[in-house]
C-alpha atoms as a PDB file:
ATOM      1  CA  MET A   1      92.654 108.690  94.271  1.00  0.00           C
ATOM      2  CA  SER A   2      92.395 110.409  90.915  1.00  0.00           C
ATOM      3  CA  LEU A   3      89.544 109.938  88.482  1.00  0.00           C
ATOM      4  CA  SER A   4      91.938 108.358  85.965  1.00  0.00           C
ATOM      5  CA  ALA A   5      93.064 105.886  88.625  1.00  0.00           C
ATOM      6  CA  LEU A   6      89.450 104.906  89.224  1.00  0.00           C
ATOM      7  CA  ALA A   7      89.035 104.269  85.506  1.00  0.00           C
ATOM      8  CA  LEU A   8      92.028 101.918  85.596  1.00  0.00           C
ATOM      9  CA  GLY A   9      90.751  99.924  88.535  1.00  0.00           C
ATOM     10  CA  CYS A  10      92.999 100.979  91.379  1.00  0.00           C
ATOM     11  CA  SER A  11      96.084 102.974  92.144  1.00  0.00           C
ATOM     12  CA  ARG A  12      98.282 103.884  95.058  1.00  0.00           C
ATOM     13  CA  ASP A  13     101.599 105.629  95.292  1.00  0.00           C
ATOM     14  CA  SER A  14     104.926 103.851  95.834  1.00  0.00           C
ATOM     15  CA  VAL A  15     105.260 104.442  99.543  1.00  0.00           C
ATOM     16  CA  ALA A  16     106.210 102.335 102.504  1.00  0.00           C
ATOM     17  CA  ALA A  17     103.729 101.626 105.290  1.00  0.00           C
ATOM     18  CA  SER A  18     105.105 104.691 107.101  1.00  0.00           C
ATOM     19  CA  GLY A  19     103.934 106.929 104.265  1.00  0.00           C
ATOM     20  CA  ALA A  20     107.505 107.756 103.197  1.00  0.00           C
ATOM     21  CA  PRO A  21     108.856 106.816  99.751  1.00  0.00           C
ATOM     22  CA  ARG A  22     110.313 103.297  99.674  1.00  0.00           C
ATOM     23  CA  ALA A  23     114.078 103.243 100.109  1.00  0.00           C
ATOM     24  CA  LEU A  24     115.698 101.326  97.257  1.00  0.00           C
ATOM     25  CA  PRO A  25     119.158  99.747  97.296  1.00  0.00           C
ATOM     26  CA  GLU A  26     121.831 101.119  94.958  1.00  0.00           C
ATOM     27  CA  SER A  27     122.348  97.715  93.337  1.00  0.00           C
ATOM     28  CA  VAL A  28     120.621  94.344  93.226  1.00  0.00           C
ATOM     29  CA  GLU A  29     121.588  90.784  92.318  1.00  0.00           C
ATOM     30  CA  ILE A  30     119.498  89.336  89.484  1.00  0.00           C
ATOM     31  CA  VAL A  31     119.698  86.295  87.248  1.00  0.00           C
ATOM     32  CA  GLU A  32     120.041  87.129  83.565  1.00  0.00           C
ATOM     33  CA  PHE A  33     118.306  84.911  80.980  1.00  0.00           C
ATOM     34  CA  SER A  34     118.347  84.592  77.208  1.00  0.00           C
ATOM     35  CA  ASN A  35     115.007  84.910  75.397  1.00  0.00           C
ATOM     36  CA  ASP A  36     114.761  81.117  75.192  1.00  0.00           C
ATOM     37  CA  GLY A  37     114.783  80.922  78.996  1.00  0.00           C
ATOM     38  CA  LYS A  38     118.362  79.742  79.426  1.00  0.00           C
ATOM     39  CA  ARG A  39     120.123  81.039  82.514  1.00  0.00           C
ATOM     40  CA  VAL A  40     123.061  83.217  81.436  1.00  0.00           C
ATOM     41  CA  ARG A  41     124.584  84.408  84.704  1.00  0.00           C
ATOM     42  CA  VAL A  42     123.993  85.947  88.100  1.00  0.00           C
ATOM     43  CA  ALA A  43     124.899  89.632  88.033  1.00  0.00           C
ATOM     44  CA  THR A  44     124.979  92.523  90.456  1.00  0.00           C
ATOM     45  CA  VAL A  45     123.465  95.446  88.584  1.00  0.00           C
ATOM     46  CA  PRO A  46     122.578  99.021  89.516  1.00  0.00           C
ATOM     47  CA  MET A  47     118.953  99.734  90.390  1.00  0.00           C
ATOM     48  CA  VAL A  48     117.164 101.516  87.575  1.00  0.00           C
ATOM     49  CA  VAL A  49     116.001 104.809  89.032  1.00  0.00           C
ATOM     50  CA  LYS A  50     114.433 107.502  86.853  1.00  0.00           C
ATOM     51  CA  SER A  51     112.525 110.678  87.420  1.00  0.00           C
ATOM     52  CA  ASP A  52     108.778 110.727  87.073  1.00  0.00           C
ATOM     53  CA  ALA A  53     109.178 112.676  83.817  1.00  0.00           C
ATOM     54  CA  GLU A  54     111.590 110.067  82.423  1.00  0.00           C
ATOM     55  CA  TRP A  55     109.177 107.203  83.228  1.00  0.00           C
ATOM     56  CA  ARG A  56     106.318 109.159  81.593  1.00  0.00           C
ATOM     57  CA  ARG A  57     108.371 109.595  78.400  1.00  0.00           C
ATOM     58  CA  GLN A  58     109.376 105.915  78.293  1.00  0.00           C
ATOM     59  CA  LEU A  59     106.009 104.280  79.037  1.00  0.00           C
ATOM     60  CA  SER A  60     102.480 104.426  77.671  1.00  0.00           C
ATOM     61  CA  PRO A  61     100.058 106.253  80.005  1.00  0.00           C
ATOM     62  CA  LEU A  62      98.564 102.958  81.204  1.00  0.00           C
ATOM     63  CA  ALA A  63     101.958 101.253  81.665  1.00  0.00           C
ATOM     64  CA  TYR A  64     103.122 104.303  83.620  1.00  0.00           C
ATOM     65  CA  GLN A  65     100.041 104.216  85.883  1.00  0.00           C
ATOM     66  CA  VAL A  66     100.358 100.475  86.501  1.00  0.00           C
ATOM     67  CA  THR A  67     104.128 100.155  86.961  1.00  0.00           C
ATOM     68  CA  ARG A  68     104.953 103.422  88.703  1.00  0.00           C
ATOM     69  CA  HIS A  69     101.723 103.959  90.722  1.00  0.00           C
ATOM     70  CA  GLU A  70     100.500 100.386  91.334  1.00  0.00           C
ATOM     71  CA  GLY A  71      97.487 100.640  89.042  1.00  0.00           C
ATOM     72  CA  THR A  72      95.673  97.726  87.424  1.00  0.00           C
ATOM     73  CA  GLU A  73      94.652  97.252  83.812  1.00  0.00           C
ATOM     74  CA  ARG A  74      91.075  96.100  83.138  1.00  0.00           C
ATOM     75  CA  ALA A  75      90.590  92.338  83.154  1.00  0.00           C
ATOM     76  CA  PHE A  76      90.708  90.682  79.710  1.00  0.00           C
ATOM     77  CA  SER A  77      92.148  93.857  78.110  1.00  0.00           C
ATOM     78  CA  GLY A  78      95.863  93.025  78.069  1.00  0.00           C
ATOM     79  CA  GLU A  79      97.723  92.173  74.873  1.00  0.00           C
ATOM     80  CA  LEU A  80      99.738  89.388  76.523  1.00  0.00           C
ATOM     81  CA  LEU A  81      96.777  87.461  77.908  1.00  0.00           C
ATOM     82  CA  LYS A  82      96.629  85.111  74.906  1.00  0.00           C
ATOM     83  CA  VAL A  83     100.384  84.967  74.160  1.00  0.00           C
ATOM     84  CA  HIS A  84     101.580  81.360  74.471  1.00  0.00           C
ATOM     85  CA  GLY A  85     104.716  81.244  72.323  1.00  0.00           C
ATOM     86  CA  LYS A  86     108.103  80.169  73.624  1.00  0.00           C
ATOM     87  CA  GLY A  87     110.028  82.977  75.216  1.00  0.00           C
ATOM     88  CA  VAL A  88     110.511  85.164  78.249  1.00  0.00           C
ATOM     89  CA  PHE A  89     108.304  87.860  79.729  1.00  0.00           C
ATOM     90  CA  ARG A  90     110.484  90.861  80.622  1.00  0.00           C
ATOM     91  CA  CYS A  91     109.892  94.017  82.644  1.00  0.00           C
ATOM     92  CA  ILE A  92     108.547  96.804  80.420  1.00  0.00           C
ATOM     93  CA  CYS A  93     110.588  99.333  82.425  1.00  0.00           C
ATOM     94  CA  CYS A  94     114.067  97.765  82.601  1.00  0.00           C
ATOM     95  CA  ASP A  95     113.963  94.556  80.500  1.00  0.00           C
ATOM     96  CA  THR A  96     114.747  92.204  83.404  1.00  0.00           C
ATOM     97  CA  ALA A  97     113.564  88.642  82.750  1.00  0.00           C
ATOM     98  CA  LEU A  98     110.609  87.916  85.048  1.00  0.00           C
ATOM     99  CA  PHE A  99     108.666  84.868  83.781  1.00  0.00           C
ATOM    100  CA  ASP A 100     109.319  81.976  81.411  1.00  0.00           C
ATOM    101  CA  SER A 101     106.476  81.148  79.024  1.00  0.00           C
ATOM    102  CA  LYS A 102     106.718  77.518  80.219  1.00  0.00           C
ATOM    103  CA  THR A 103     105.104  78.588  83.504  1.00  0.00           C
ATOM    104  CA  LYS A 104     102.207  80.568  81.968  1.00  0.00           C
ATOM    105  CA  PHE A 105      98.705  79.136  82.356  1.00  0.00           C
ATOM    106  CA  GLU A 106      95.082  80.097  81.736  1.00  0.00           C
ATOM    107  CA  SER A 107      93.692  81.188  85.095  1.00  0.00           C
ATOM    108  CA  GLY A 108      90.412  82.587  83.785  1.00  0.00           C
ATOM    109  CA  THR A 109      90.998  85.793  85.757  1.00  0.00           C
ATOM    110  CA  GLY A 110      91.616  88.071  82.764  1.00  0.00           C
ATOM    111  CA  TRP A 111      95.313  88.704  83.447  1.00  0.00           C
ATOM    112  CA  PRO A 112      98.401  86.756  82.345  1.00  0.00           C
ATOM    113  CA  SER A 113      99.134  84.194  85.050  1.00  0.00           C
ATOM    114  CA  PHE A 114     102.251  82.197  85.873  1.00  0.00           C
ATOM    115  CA  TRP A 115     102.877  79.517  88.488  1.00  0.00           C
ATOM    116  CA  LYS A 116     106.482  80.609  89.124  1.00  0.00           C
ATOM    117  CA  SER A 117     108.805  83.554  88.516  1.00  0.00           C
ATOM    118  CA  ILE A 118     111.850  82.889  86.338  1.00  0.00           C
ATOM    119  CA  ALA A 119     114.156  83.522  89.341  1.00  0.00           C
ATOM    120  CA  ARG A 120     113.427  84.525  92.953  1.00  0.00           C
ATOM    121  CA  GLN A 121     116.116  87.214  92.710  1.00  0.00           C
ATOM    122  CA  ASN A 122     114.318  88.976  89.854  1.00  0.00           C
ATOM    123  CA  VAL A 123     111.103  89.769  91.715  1.00  0.00           C
ATOM    124  CA  VAL A 124     110.287  91.334  95.058  1.00  0.00           C
ATOM    125  CA  GLU A 125     107.219  90.284  96.996  1.00  0.00           C
ATOM    126  CA  ARG A 126     105.779  92.499  99.716  1.00  0.00           C
ATOM    127  CA  ARG A 127     102.647  92.673 101.796  1.00  0.00           C
ATOM    128  CA  ASP A 128      99.953  94.936 100.343  1.00  0.00           C
ATOM    129  CA  THR A 129      97.109  95.966 102.647  1.00  0.00           C
ATOM    130  CA  SER A 130      95.562  98.576 100.348  1.00  0.00           C
ATOM    131  CA  TYR A 131      91.837  98.725  99.645  1.00  0.00           C
ATOM    132  CA  GLY A 132      90.861  96.808 102.786  1.00  0.00           C
ATOM    133  CA  MET A 133      92.435  93.495 101.749  1.00  0.00           C
ATOM    134  CA  THR A 134      95.714  91.696 102.343  1.00  0.00           C
ATOM    135  CA  ARG A 135      97.589  90.555  99.249  1.00  0.00           C
ATOM    136  CA  THR A 136     101.168  90.012  98.160  1.00  0.00           C
ATOM    137  CA  GLU A 137     102.381  92.577  95.655  1.00  0.00           C
ATOM    138  CA  VAL A 138     104.969  91.540  93.057  1.00  0.00           C
ATOM    139  CA  ALA A 139     107.497  94.087  91.773  1.00  0.00           C
ATOM    140  CA  CYS A 140     110.566  93.984  89.558  1.00  0.00           C
ATOM    141  CA  ALA A 141     113.691  93.691  91.706  1.00  0.00           C
ATOM    142  CA  ARG A 142     115.747  95.952  89.408  1.00  0.00           C
ATOM    143  CA  CYS A 143     113.435  98.947  88.917  1.00  0.00           C
ATOM    144  CA  ASP A 144     110.653  98.450  91.502  1.00  0.00           C
ATOM    145  CA  ALA A 145     107.963  98.382  88.794  1.00  0.00           C
ATOM    146  CA  HIS A 146     104.625  97.121  90.074  1.00  0.00           C
ATOM    147  CA  LEU A 147     103.755  93.953  88.145  1.00  0.00           C
ATOM    148  CA  GLY A 148     100.681  92.578  89.911  1.00  0.00           C
ATOM    149  CA  HIS A 149     100.023  90.212  92.820  1.00  0.00           C
ATOM    150  CA  VAL A 150     100.692  86.582  93.719  1.00  0.00           C
ATOM    151  CA  PHE A 151      98.007  84.335  95.201  1.00  0.00           C
ATOM    152  CA  ASP A 152      98.049  80.804  96.610  1.00  0.00           C
ATOM    153  CA  ASP A 153      95.310  79.414  94.345  1.00  0.00           C
ATOM    154  CA  GLY A 154      97.451  78.374  91.368  1.00  0.00           C
ATOM    155  CA  PRO A 155      98.225  74.992  89.828  1.00  0.00           C
ATOM    156  CA  GLU A 156     100.838  72.444  90.823  1.00  0.00           C
ATOM    157  CA  PRO A 157     103.741  72.213  91.228  1.00  0.00           C
ATOM    158  CA  THR A 158     103.837  75.495  93.221  1.00  0.00           C
ATOM    159  CA  GLY A 159     100.182  76.201  93.945  1.00  0.00           C
ATOM    160  CA  LEU A 160     100.889  79.866  93.139  1.00  0.00           C
ATOM    161  CA  ARG A 161      99.230  82.259  90.690  1.00  0.00           C
ATOM    162  CA  TYR A 162     101.325  85.248  89.730  1.00  0.00           C
ATOM    163  CA  CYS A 163      98.567  87.479  88.342  1.00  0.00           C
ATOM    164  CA  MET A 164     100.405  90.086  86.241  1.00  0.00           C
ATOM    165  CA  ASN A 165      99.383  93.165  84.285  1.00  0.00           C
ATOM    166  CA  SER A 166     100.156  92.823  80.565  1.00  0.00           C
ATOM    167  CA  VAL A 167     101.294  96.444  80.367  1.00  0.00           C
ATOM    168  CA  SER A 168     104.008  95.776  82.946  1.00  0.00           C
ATOM    169  CA  LEU A 169     105.564  93.086  80.728  1.00  0.00           C
ATOM    170  CA  ARG A 170     107.145  92.698  77.289  1.00  0.00           C
ATOM    171  CA  PHE A 171     107.202  89.304  75.572  1.00  0.00           C
ATOM    172  CA  ALA A 172     110.609  88.386  74.123  1.00  0.00           C
ATOM    173  CA  LYS A 173     110.136  85.506  71.699  1.00  0.00           C
ATOM    174  CA  ALA A 174     112.703  82.689  71.775  1.00  0.00           C
ATOM    175  CA  ALA A 175     114.987  82.543  68.729  1.00  0.00           C
END
């Protein structure tokens, strides 16, 4: 692990359990939403795949480390932690709608937390056994950006806490 990764909290490369790069599908079915959280349509869209250099040009250094190398921003440092307006939280990498502001809650953990994703099709959940613990990683279904983790200690009605990194999201205010 690099020194910069240690400064961010944690990091690991996007690899499958075998150590090989994760194989991504050519296209994926997602649900598109307007910024006010209204379902627009279900669409089959191409996966967003870019070179490392392209991601570096598009993203801030921290957003790059978090989304492309599964890093973590420091607790209580994210710009979206205190955002509670009406709107949709979108992927910083590909703009896919991920969370509706109606499901955001104060978890006290230092990261934006949601009790439900906007649509199951828009996120991918996979087992993460890094750093000697077992968690469920959450990634964007369209571009495979690391978003954070989901835990089973959230509020009703789901009992889930999607603990997301602010730098992996963009808030799109409702009109």
